[in-house]
Protein backbone atom coordinates (compact mmCIF):
# COMPACT_ATOMS: atom_id res chain seq x y z
CA MET A 1 -9.11 45.07 -7.99
CA ARG A 2 -8.64 46.74 -4.59
CA LEU A 3 -8.75 45.46 -1.03
CA SER A 4 -10.60 47.46 1.59
CA ARG A 5 -11.05 47.02 5.30
CA ALA A 6 -14.40 45.85 6.65
CA GLY A 7 -16.63 48.82 7.31
CA SER A 8 -15.23 51.03 4.51
CA SER A 9 -17.49 52.75 2.00
CA SER A 10 -16.68 50.47 -0.92
CA LEU A 11 -19.64 48.11 -0.62
CA GLY A 12 -21.12 49.20 -3.90
CA ASP A 13 -17.95 48.76 -5.94
CA PRO A 14 -17.88 45.31 -7.64
CA THR A 15 -14.10 45.49 -7.99
CA VAL A 16 -13.55 45.74 -4.24
CA ILE A 17 -13.05 42.73 -1.97
CA ARG A 18 -13.94 43.41 1.64
CA TYR A 19 -11.16 42.19 3.99
CA THR A 20 -12.31 40.19 6.98
CA PRO A 21 -10.39 37.59 9.04
CA LEU A 22 -12.41 34.83 7.35
CA ALA A 23 -11.67 36.25 3.89
CA GLY A 24 -8.00 36.47 4.79
CA LEU A 25 -7.95 32.81 5.78
CA ALA A 26 -9.71 31.89 2.54
CA LEU A 27 -7.15 33.88 0.55
CA VAL A 28 -4.25 32.10 2.27
CA VAL A 29 -5.80 28.70 1.57
CA ALA A 30 -6.43 29.66 -2.06
CA LEU A 31 -2.83 30.76 -2.52
CA TRP A 32 -1.50 27.66 -0.73
CA CYS A 33 -3.67 25.21 -2.71
CA PRO A 34 -4.17 26.70 -6.20
CA ALA A 35 -6.68 24.86 -8.35
CA GLU A 36 -8.75 25.20 -11.46
CA ALA A 37 -12.32 26.25 -10.93
CA GLY A 38 -14.39 23.33 -9.70
CA GLU A 39 -11.35 21.07 -9.37
CA SER A 40 -9.24 20.21 -6.31
CA ALA A 41 -5.54 21.12 -6.37
CA ASP A 42 -4.73 17.84 -4.69
CA PRO A 43 -5.85 14.70 -6.54
CA ALA A 44 -6.30 13.18 -3.10
CA VAL A 45 -9.31 15.43 -2.44
CA ALA A 46 -11.70 13.99 -5.00
CA ALA A 47 -15.22 13.68 -3.70
CA GLU A 48 -16.00 10.45 -5.52
CA PRO A 49 -12.96 8.25 -6.32
CA THR A 50 -13.23 6.48 -9.65
CA GLU A 51 -11.78 3.17 -10.74
CA SER A 52 -8.74 3.58 -12.96
CA PRO A 53 -5.36 2.00 -13.59
CA ASP A 54 -3.86 4.83 -11.55
CA ARG A 55 -5.92 3.75 -8.56
CA THR A 56 -4.55 0.21 -8.78
CA ALA A 57 -1.01 1.60 -9.01
CA LEU A 58 -1.70 3.83 -5.99
CA ALA A 59 -3.02 0.84 -4.02
CA ARG A 60 0.09 -1.16 -4.91
CA ASP A 61 2.42 1.64 -3.81
CA GLU A 62 0.52 2.29 -0.60
CA ALA A 63 0.45 -1.41 0.27
CA ALA A 64 4.22 -1.63 -0.24
CA ALA A 65 4.75 1.51 1.85
CA GLN A 66 2.62 0.09 4.67
CA ALA A 67 4.48 -3.23 4.52
CA PHE A 68 7.89 -1.54 4.73
CA HIS A 69 6.74 0.67 7.61
CA THR A 70 5.64 -2.43 9.52
CA LEU A 71 8.91 -4.16 8.63
CA TYR A 72 10.85 -1.18 9.97
CA ARG A 73 8.97 -1.35 13.27
CA ARG A 74 9.63 -5.08 13.61
CA PHE A 75 13.24 -4.48 12.65
CA GLY A 76 13.58 -2.06 15.56
CA GLN A 77 11.91 -4.49 17.98
CA LEU A 78 14.58 -7.17 17.55
CA LYS A 79 16.23 -7.87 20.89
CA LEU A 80 19.97 -7.58 21.53
CA THR A 81 19.79 -8.19 25.27
CA PRO A 82 16.84 -8.59 27.64
CA ASP A 83 16.90 -4.80 28.11
CA SER A 84 17.99 -3.44 24.72
CA ARG A 85 16.70 -3.61 21.18
CA VAL A 86 17.86 -2.67 17.71
CA ALA A 87 15.78 0.51 18.11
CA ASP A 88 18.28 1.67 20.76
CA PHE A 89 21.07 1.30 18.22
CA LEU A 90 19.09 3.15 15.57
CA ALA A 91 18.52 6.03 17.99
CA SER A 92 22.27 6.61 18.37
CA SER A 93 22.38 9.01 15.39
CA ALA A 94 20.43 10.12 12.34
CA ASP A 95 23.06 8.64 10.01
CA VAL A 96 22.91 5.25 11.71
CA ARG A 97 19.13 5.20 11.50
CA ALA A 98 19.10 6.22 7.84
CA PHE A 99 21.90 3.95 6.61
CA ALA A 100 20.68 0.91 8.57
CA TRP A 101 17.13 1.16 7.27
CA ASP A 102 18.31 1.96 3.74
CA ALA A 103 20.53 -1.15 3.73
CA VAL A 104 17.74 -3.38 5.02
CA ARG A 105 15.08 -2.12 2.60
CA ARG A 106 17.45 -2.55 -0.37
CA ARG A 107 17.93 -6.23 0.50
CA ALA A 108 14.34 -6.98 1.42
CA ASP A 109 12.40 -9.15 -0.99
CA THR A 110 9.19 -7.49 -2.17
CA GLY A 111 6.55 -9.97 -3.26
CA ARG A 112 4.39 -9.32 -6.30
CA PRO A 113 1.20 -7.35 -5.65
CA ARG A 114 -1.93 -9.45 -5.19
CA ILE A 115 -5.16 -7.87 -6.40
CA TYR A 116 -8.20 -9.39 -4.67
CA SER A 117 -11.74 -9.50 -5.96
CA ASP A 118 -12.97 -7.02 -3.32
CA GLY A 119 -10.60 -4.34 -4.65
CA VAL A 120 -7.85 -4.68 -2.02
CA VAL A 121 -4.22 -4.91 -3.12
CA THR A 122 -1.65 -6.54 -0.81
CA VAL A 123 2.14 -6.62 -0.89
CA GLN A 124 4.32 -8.77 1.38
CA VAL A 125 7.97 -7.98 2.12
CA HIS A 126 10.52 -10.31 3.69
CA ILE A 127 14.17 -10.22 4.66
CA PRO A 128 16.23 -13.16 6.03
CA ILE A 129 17.48 -12.64 9.56
CA GLU A 130 21.07 -13.30 8.42
CA GLN A 131 20.82 -10.28 6.12
CA VAL A 132 19.49 -8.13 8.94
CA ILE A 133 22.45 -9.04 11.15
CA ALA A 134 24.97 -8.54 8.34
CA GLN A 135 23.66 -5.05 7.51
CA LEU A 136 23.57 -3.99 11.16
CA LYS A 137 27.17 -5.15 11.58
CA SER A 138 28.25 -3.21 8.51
CA VAL A 139 26.57 0.01 9.63
CA CYS A 140 27.93 -0.36 13.16
CA SER A 141 31.52 -0.89 12.02
CA THR A 142 31.31 2.12 9.69
CA TYR A 143 29.48 4.66 11.85
CA CYS A 144 29.69 3.47 15.46
CA ALA A 145 33.18 2.02 15.80
CA GLY A 146 34.34 2.12 19.41
CA GLN A 147 31.03 3.41 20.76
CA LYS A 148 28.33 1.73 22.84
CA PHE A 149 27.51 -0.92 20.24
CA GLN A 150 30.00 -3.33 18.65
CA PRO A 151 29.42 -5.32 15.43
CA GLN A 152 29.52 -8.66 17.26
CA ASP A 153 26.64 -7.52 19.48
CA PHE A 154 24.19 -8.16 16.69
CA ASP A 155 24.91 -11.89 16.66
CA LYS A 156 22.91 -11.97 19.89
CA ILE A 157 19.74 -11.40 17.89
CA LEU A 158 19.74 -15.15 17.16
CA LEU A 159 19.35 -15.83 20.89
CA TYR A 160 15.95 -14.13 20.93
CA ILE A 161 14.40 -15.16 17.63
CA ASP A 162 13.61 -18.58 16.18
CA ARG A 163 12.38 -17.40 12.79
CA ARG A 164 14.22 -17.42 9.50
CA GLY A 165 13.40 -13.79 8.80
CA LEU A 166 11.09 -10.83 9.20
CA TRP A 167 7.83 -10.48 7.27
CA ALA A 168 5.33 -7.69 6.89
CA LEU A 169 2.13 -7.45 4.87
CA GLY A 170 0.59 -4.20 3.68
CA GLN A 171 -2.75 -3.60 2.02
CA SER A 172 -4.64 -0.74 0.40
CA ARG A 173 -7.66 -0.02 -1.77
CA GLY A 174 -5.98 2.93 -3.43
CA GLU A 175 -8.60 5.28 -2.04
CA LEU A 176 -7.73 8.91 -2.50
CA ARG A 177 -6.70 10.63 0.72
CA LEU A 178 -7.59 14.04 2.02
CA ALA A 179 -4.74 16.50 2.41
CA ILE A 180 -4.68 19.93 4.03
CA ALA A 181 -2.16 21.54 1.68
CA GLY A 182 -0.71 19.74 -1.30
CA SER A 183 -0.41 16.03 -1.87
CA ALA A 184 1.96 13.98 0.25
CA PRO A 185 4.13 11.25 -1.28
CA VAL A 186 2.97 7.69 -0.76
CA GLY A 187 4.15 6.44 2.62
CA TRP A 188 4.63 9.97 3.99
CA TYR A 189 1.04 10.88 4.82
CA ASP A 190 1.65 11.08 8.56
CA VAL A 191 4.91 13.04 8.34
CA GLY A 192 3.57 16.43 7.28
CA VAL A 193 5.07 19.20 5.18
CA PHE A 194 7.53 20.44 7.79
CA GLY A 195 8.51 16.89 8.70
CA ARG A 196 9.40 16.25 5.06
CA LEU A 197 11.41 19.47 4.92
CA ARG A 198 13.35 18.45 8.03
CA THR A 199 13.99 15.02 6.55
CA ARG A 200 15.18 16.59 3.30
CA ARG A 201 17.59 18.84 5.20
CA LYS A 202 18.98 15.85 7.09
CA ALA A 203 19.43 13.94 3.84
CA THR A 204 21.30 16.92 2.39
CA ASP A 205 23.54 17.12 5.47
CA ASN A 206 24.12 13.39 5.18
CA ALA A 207 25.16 13.89 1.54
CA HIS A 208 27.60 16.64 2.54
CA ARG A 209 29.25 14.35 5.08
CA GLN A 210 29.50 11.60 2.49
CA LEU A 211 30.95 14.05 -0.02
CA LEU A 212 33.61 15.17 2.44
CA GLN A 213 34.57 11.56 3.12
CA ARG A 214 34.67 10.82 -0.62
CA ILE A 215 36.94 13.81 -1.18
CA ARG A 216 39.27 12.70 1.62
CA ASP A 217 39.62 9.34 -0.12
CA LEU A 218 40.54 10.83 -3.52
CA ARG A 219 44.14 10.39 -4.65
CA PHE A 220 46.33 13.16 -5.98
CA SER A 221 49.33 10.83 -6.39
CA PRO A 222 49.77 7.04 -6.48
CA SER A 223 50.68 6.96 -2.79
CA ARG A 224 48.82 9.91 -1.24
CA ARG A 225 45.22 10.88 -0.69
CA LEU A 226 43.64 14.26 -0.08
CA ALA A 227 43.10 13.30 3.56
CA ALA A 228 46.79 14.04 4.14
CA PHE A 229 46.31 17.59 2.91
CA LEU A 230 43.09 18.16 4.86
CA ASP A 231 44.66 16.85 8.08
CA SER A 232 47.80 18.96 7.68
CA ASP A 233 46.13 22.10 8.99
CA GLN A 234 42.91 22.69 10.89
CA ARG A 235 42.22 25.77 8.76
CA VAL A 236 42.43 23.68 5.60
CA ALA A 237 39.99 21.13 7.02
CA ALA A 238 37.55 23.83 8.17
CA ASP A 239 37.66 25.74 4.89
CA THR A 240 37.21 22.55 2.88
CA ALA A 241 34.14 21.63 4.93
CA THR A 242 32.71 25.12 4.37
CA PHE A 243 33.39 24.84 0.64
CA ILE A 244 31.61 21.49 0.47
CA HIS A 245 28.51 22.87 2.18
CA SER A 246 28.32 26.00 0.02
CA HIS A 247 29.42 24.93 -3.47
CA PRO A 248 27.98 21.52 -4.40
CA ASN A 249 25.00 21.20 -6.69
CA VAL A 250 21.98 19.77 -4.86
CA GLY A 251 20.01 17.74 -7.41
CA ASP A 252 16.99 15.48 -7.29
CA VAL A 253 15.09 14.90 -4.05
CA ARG A 254 13.13 11.64 -3.81
CA TYR A 255 10.67 10.64 -1.11
CA LEU A 256 10.56 6.86 -1.48
CA SER A 257 7.51 4.91 -0.36
CA GLN A 258 9.76 2.96 2.02
CA ARG A 259 10.03 6.20 4.07
CA ILE A 260 13.54 7.03 2.87
CA CYS A 261 14.39 10.50 1.57
CA GLU A 262 17.21 10.55 -1.00
CA VAL A 263 19.05 13.69 -2.12
CA ASP A 264 21.65 13.69 -4.92
CA VAL A 265 24.60 16.04 -4.46
CA THR A 266 27.37 16.57 -7.00
CA MET A 267 30.58 18.60 -7.13
CA ALA A 268 32.69 19.35 -10.17
CA VAL A 269 36.22 18.01 -9.86
CA ALA A 270 37.58 21.15 -11.56
CA ASP A 271 35.99 23.36 -8.86
CA LEU A 272 37.43 21.12 -6.16
CA VAL A 273 40.95 21.27 -7.63
CA ALA A 274 40.76 25.05 -7.86
CA GLU A 275 39.74 25.30 -4.21
CA LEU A 276 42.52 22.95 -3.10
CA LYS A 277 45.10 25.06 -4.97
CA SER A 278 43.74 28.18 -3.33
CA LEU A 279 44.00 26.62 0.14
CA ALA A 280 47.54 25.38 -0.55
CA ASN A 281 48.55 28.86 -1.62
CA ALA A 282 46.93 30.45 1.44
CA TYR A 283 48.19 28.12 4.16
CA HIS A 284 51.18 26.13 2.87
CA ALA A 285 52.91 28.56 0.52
CA GLY A 286 53.86 25.65 -1.73
CA ALA A 287 56.08 23.94 0.82
CA GLU A 288 54.75 20.40 1.30
CA PHE A 289 51.79 20.69 -1.04
CA PRO A 290 52.61 22.79 -4.12
CA GLN A 291 49.56 23.82 -6.10
CA GLU A 292 50.40 21.73 -9.17
CA VAL A 293 50.22 18.43 -7.25
CA PHE A 294 46.42 18.76 -7.06
CA ASP A 295 46.18 18.50 -10.84
CA GLY A 296 46.73 14.80 -10.15
CA VAL A 297 43.21 14.55 -8.72
CA SER A 298 41.78 14.77 -12.23
CA LEU A 299 44.01 11.89 -13.32
CA PHE A 300 42.69 9.53 -10.65
CA VAL A 301 39.01 10.49 -10.93
CA LYS A 302 37.32 9.05 -14.01
CA ASP A 303 34.20 11.25 -13.93
CA PRO A 304 34.21 15.06 -14.14
CA VAL A 305 31.94 15.22 -11.09
CA VAL A 306 31.82 13.51 -7.71
CA LYS A 307 28.30 12.35 -6.90
CA VAL A 308 26.83 11.06 -3.64
CA THR A 309 23.30 10.31 -2.49
CA GLY A 310 22.32 11.40 0.99
CA VAL A 311 19.65 9.48 2.88
CA ALA A 312 17.45 10.24 5.88
CA VAL A 313 14.33 8.84 7.53
CA PRO A 314 11.54 10.90 9.11
CA GLU A 315 11.48 11.42 12.83
CA VAL A 316 8.16 9.78 13.59
CA PRO A 317 7.81 8.55 17.19
CA GLU A 318 8.05 4.77 17.13
CA GLN A 319 5.42 2.85 19.02
CA ARG A 320 5.90 -0.50 20.65
CA GLU A 321 4.10 -2.88 18.33
CA PRO A 322 2.11 -5.49 20.25
CA PRO A 323 2.74 -9.14 19.45
CA VAL A 324 0.62 -10.55 16.66
CA PRO A 325 -2.34 -12.33 18.29
CA ALA A 326 -2.37 -16.09 17.87
CA ASP A 327 -5.62 -16.06 15.87
CA ASP A 328 -4.10 -13.73 13.26
CA VAL A 329 -1.91 -16.49 11.82
CA TRP A 330 -2.32 -20.19 11.32
CA THR A 331 0.79 -22.29 11.78
CA HIS A 332 1.47 -25.81 10.57
CA ALA A 333 4.54 -28.06 10.59
CA ALA A 334 5.28 -30.89 8.17
CA GLN A 335 8.11 -33.27 7.37
CA ALA A 336 9.44 -34.71 4.13
CA GLU A 337 12.16 -37.11 3.05
CA PRO A 338 14.73 -36.29 0.38
CA PRO A 339 14.11 -37.95 -3.01
CA GLU A 340 16.11 -41.12 -3.53
CA HIS A 341 17.23 -40.39 -7.08
CA VAL A 342 19.04 -37.13 -6.21
CA ASP A 343 22.72 -37.56 -5.32
CA ASP A 344 23.56 -33.93 -4.58
CA ALA A 345 22.94 -33.37 -0.85
CA SER A 346 22.07 -29.66 -1.12
CA GLN A 347 19.65 -30.29 -3.98
CA ALA A 348 18.02 -33.14 -2.07
CA HIS A 349 17.64 -30.89 0.98
CA LEU A 350 16.02 -28.18 -1.15
CA LEU A 351 13.55 -30.62 -2.71
CA ALA A 352 12.66 -32.07 0.69
CA THR A 353 12.05 -28.56 2.03
CA ARG A 354 9.78 -27.74 -0.89
CA SER A 355 7.88 -30.99 -0.44
CA ALA A 356 7.30 -30.30 3.26
CA LEU A 357 6.22 -26.74 2.48
CA ALA A 358 3.77 -28.04 -0.12
CA ARG A 359 2.24 -30.29 2.54
CA CYS A 360 1.84 -27.29 4.82
CA ARG A 361 0.17 -25.38 2.01
CA GLU A 362 -2.32 -28.14 1.28
CA HIS A 363 -3.15 -28.57 4.96
CA LEU A 364 -3.78 -24.85 5.35
CA ARG A 365 -5.82 -24.79 2.12
CA SER A 366 -8.08 -27.47 3.54
CA ARG A 367 -8.34 -25.59 6.79
CA LEU A 368 -9.34 -22.40 4.96
CA LEU A 369 -12.06 -24.15 2.98
CA ASN A 370 -13.48 -25.89 6.04
CA ASP A 371 -13.42 -22.85 8.28
CA PRO A 372 -16.98 -22.16 9.52
CA LEU A 373 -18.66 -19.02 8.31
CA PRO A 374 -19.64 -16.39 10.85
CA ALA A 375 -23.28 -16.60 11.96
CA THR A 376 -25.60 -14.07 10.38
CA GLN A 377 -27.92 -11.74 12.27
CA ASP A 378 -31.03 -13.16 10.58
CA THR A 379 -31.57 -16.63 12.11
CA SER A 380 -35.34 -16.87 11.67
CA ASP A 381 -35.13 -19.71 9.13
CA ASP A 382 -32.33 -21.50 10.90
CA ALA A 383 -33.69 -21.42 14.42
CA GLY A 384 -35.83 -24.48 13.84
CA ASN A 385 -33.19 -26.67 12.25
CA GLY A 386 -30.37 -26.21 14.70
CA GLY A 387 -28.73 -23.17 13.16
CA ALA A 388 -27.72 -24.67 9.83
CA GLN A 389 -26.39 -21.34 8.65
CA GLY A 390 -23.83 -21.35 11.45
CA ARG A 391 -22.55 -24.73 10.27
CA LYS A 392 -21.79 -23.56 6.75
CA THR A 393 -18.14 -23.36 5.78
CA VAL A 394 -16.05 -21.36 3.34
CA VAL A 395 -16.62 -24.13 0.77
CA ASP A 396 -20.28 -23.10 0.60
CA LEU A 397 -19.26 -19.47 0.14
CA VAL A 398 -16.83 -20.42 -2.64
CA ASP A 399 -19.65 -22.24 -4.45
CA ALA A 400 -21.73 -19.07 -4.31
CA VAL A 401 -18.81 -16.70 -5.12
CA PRO A 402 -16.43 -18.37 -7.61
CA ALA A 403 -14.05 -15.38 -7.46
CA LEU A 404 -13.28 -16.29 -3.86
CA ARG A 405 -11.44 -19.46 -4.97
CA LYS A 406 -8.85 -17.35 -6.79
CA ASP A 407 -8.58 -15.14 -3.72
CA LEU A 408 -7.78 -18.15 -1.53
CA ASN A 409 -5.06 -19.23 -3.96
CA MET A 410 -3.52 -15.75 -3.69
CA LEU A 411 -3.73 -15.93 0.09
CA LEU A 412 -1.72 -19.15 0.05
CA GLY A 413 0.87 -17.41 -2.11
CA ASP A 414 1.83 -15.39 0.99
CA LEU A 415 2.64 -18.52 3.00
CA ARG A 416 5.75 -17.92 5.12
CA LEU A 417 8.48 -20.47 5.74
CA VAL A 418 9.41 -19.43 9.27
CA GLN A 419 11.47 -22.44 10.47
CA THR A 420 13.48 -25.28 8.99
CA ARG A 421 15.00 -28.19 10.94
CA ASP A 422 17.21 -31.00 9.66
CA LEU A 423 16.28 -34.40 11.05
CA THR A 424 18.02 -37.76 10.90
CA GLY A 425 18.21 -39.57 7.59
CA GLY A 426 18.08 -36.36 5.59
CA ARG A 427 14.50 -35.62 6.58
CA VAL A 428 13.47 -31.98 6.81
CA LYS A 429 10.85 -30.45 9.09
CA VAL A 430 9.45 -27.06 8.19
CA THR A 431 7.08 -24.73 9.97
CA ALA A 432 4.94 -22.39 7.91
CA GLU A 433 2.49 -19.70 8.88
CA LEU A 434 -0.33 -18.02 7.01
CA PRO A 435 -1.54 -14.49 7.89
CA LEU A 436 -5.32 -14.45 8.28
CA ALA A 437 -6.37 -10.79 8.34
CA ARG A 438 -7.07 -10.72 4.59
CA PHE A 439 -8.89 -14.06 4.72
CA LYS A 440 -11.21 -12.91 7.49
CA ALA A 441 -11.92 -9.63 5.70
CA LEU A 442 -12.83 -11.48 2.50
CA VAL A 443 -15.19 -13.84 4.32
CA ARG A 444 -16.90 -10.95 6.12
CA HIS A 445 -17.20 -9.01 2.87
CA TYR A 446 -18.83 -11.78 0.88
CA CYS A 447 -21.00 -13.03 3.75
CA SER A 448 -22.37 -9.52 4.13
CA LYS A 449 -22.84 -9.23 0.38
CA GLN A 450 -24.70 -12.55 0.24
CA ALA A 451 -26.87 -11.57 3.19
CA ARG A 452 -27.89 -8.31 1.48
CA ALA A 453 -28.65 -10.19 -1.74
CA ASP A 454 -30.87 -12.68 0.12
CA THR A 455 -32.77 -9.97 1.98
CA PRO A 456 -36.06 -9.12 0.21
CA ASP A 457 -36.68 -5.48 -0.66
């Protein structure tokens, strides 16, 4: 097969492809997105998505990714002072941003996926505020010591928040997404190919810095570490850093749905020892650090390789998330007394808290069932009797759609315990909130479905 320019005399040859700008663009796209005939290269470009177990798994992963992305935004919005937020601390360096978010997402509690009757899957994530503060302090003391932020600064978060933790709820139908070139990992749809490559490079650089620090901490004798050798001469330190960047084995790269990129980097201890001996011979001539002393590294390192995992987060511009409107959550407070037959104070407090939370749940369940349905567009039959349709409640919809009762039970499973107060006599007062976006979507969905079913053809 030959290529010819447009306007050449090869029009009659079936083995010739005429080159035009449009054909060139088509060729580039074909090479970039190879596919079997009649089949998309990216599974996210299916014309008609089909129900399958894979779709449910995709919905679960996307819902978790959305929840963690929302959690990250709320994490950055926590106030330190009237004029500064945690986001200002995260912006201090790429390592701070990556390690802080990685620590928080590892300690966040991911609720079990909830599969609703309309095909939506939700996942709720939660982290106690004490854990947030502890992780921020740890990252600050390790990577920002003596800089603008101090570990004790993060205790001030408690001055601006009256909640026990941070929550975020994600949802997805698992619908296949369009992609320009290749499929993007779940949670990385808005980052783009080049954004992922930049994040991967930052994760690799992060791994190299960790590897250098790990090597500095290795012992070559019971009382000495390699840091003494690296700090003995600037040329030794520079050459060691160059060796670390050029010789380690870069392994698996993982784009986690929580918007963390992980890169595994390993280095053979034998290669490291050989390089250290070479540097000692070149710059110290066996005076303070004879070559044979570095054989001790192998004695103090149990594994034949040193392995680290670099982390990085994508550089996506963060937007100021508006406060959740009041009608998006229902809040209720309840009190309960500790049981008389329990002598252990902590156990009695726990049981009282659970009892008060159960009262909140039952109150909110009743409120859900008695919530009025939205009025329908067709009011011809109801106009003469005072709009009876507008007075119907969710109970009536549950009677018509039994699956909705199970949905409401799952909704109440995402009830959040946002505040706890100890009162006199061992009584406990709790405040719980219930997110309503899923509830409202379910009611709209089934009201619309019922209206279509009642409309004559």
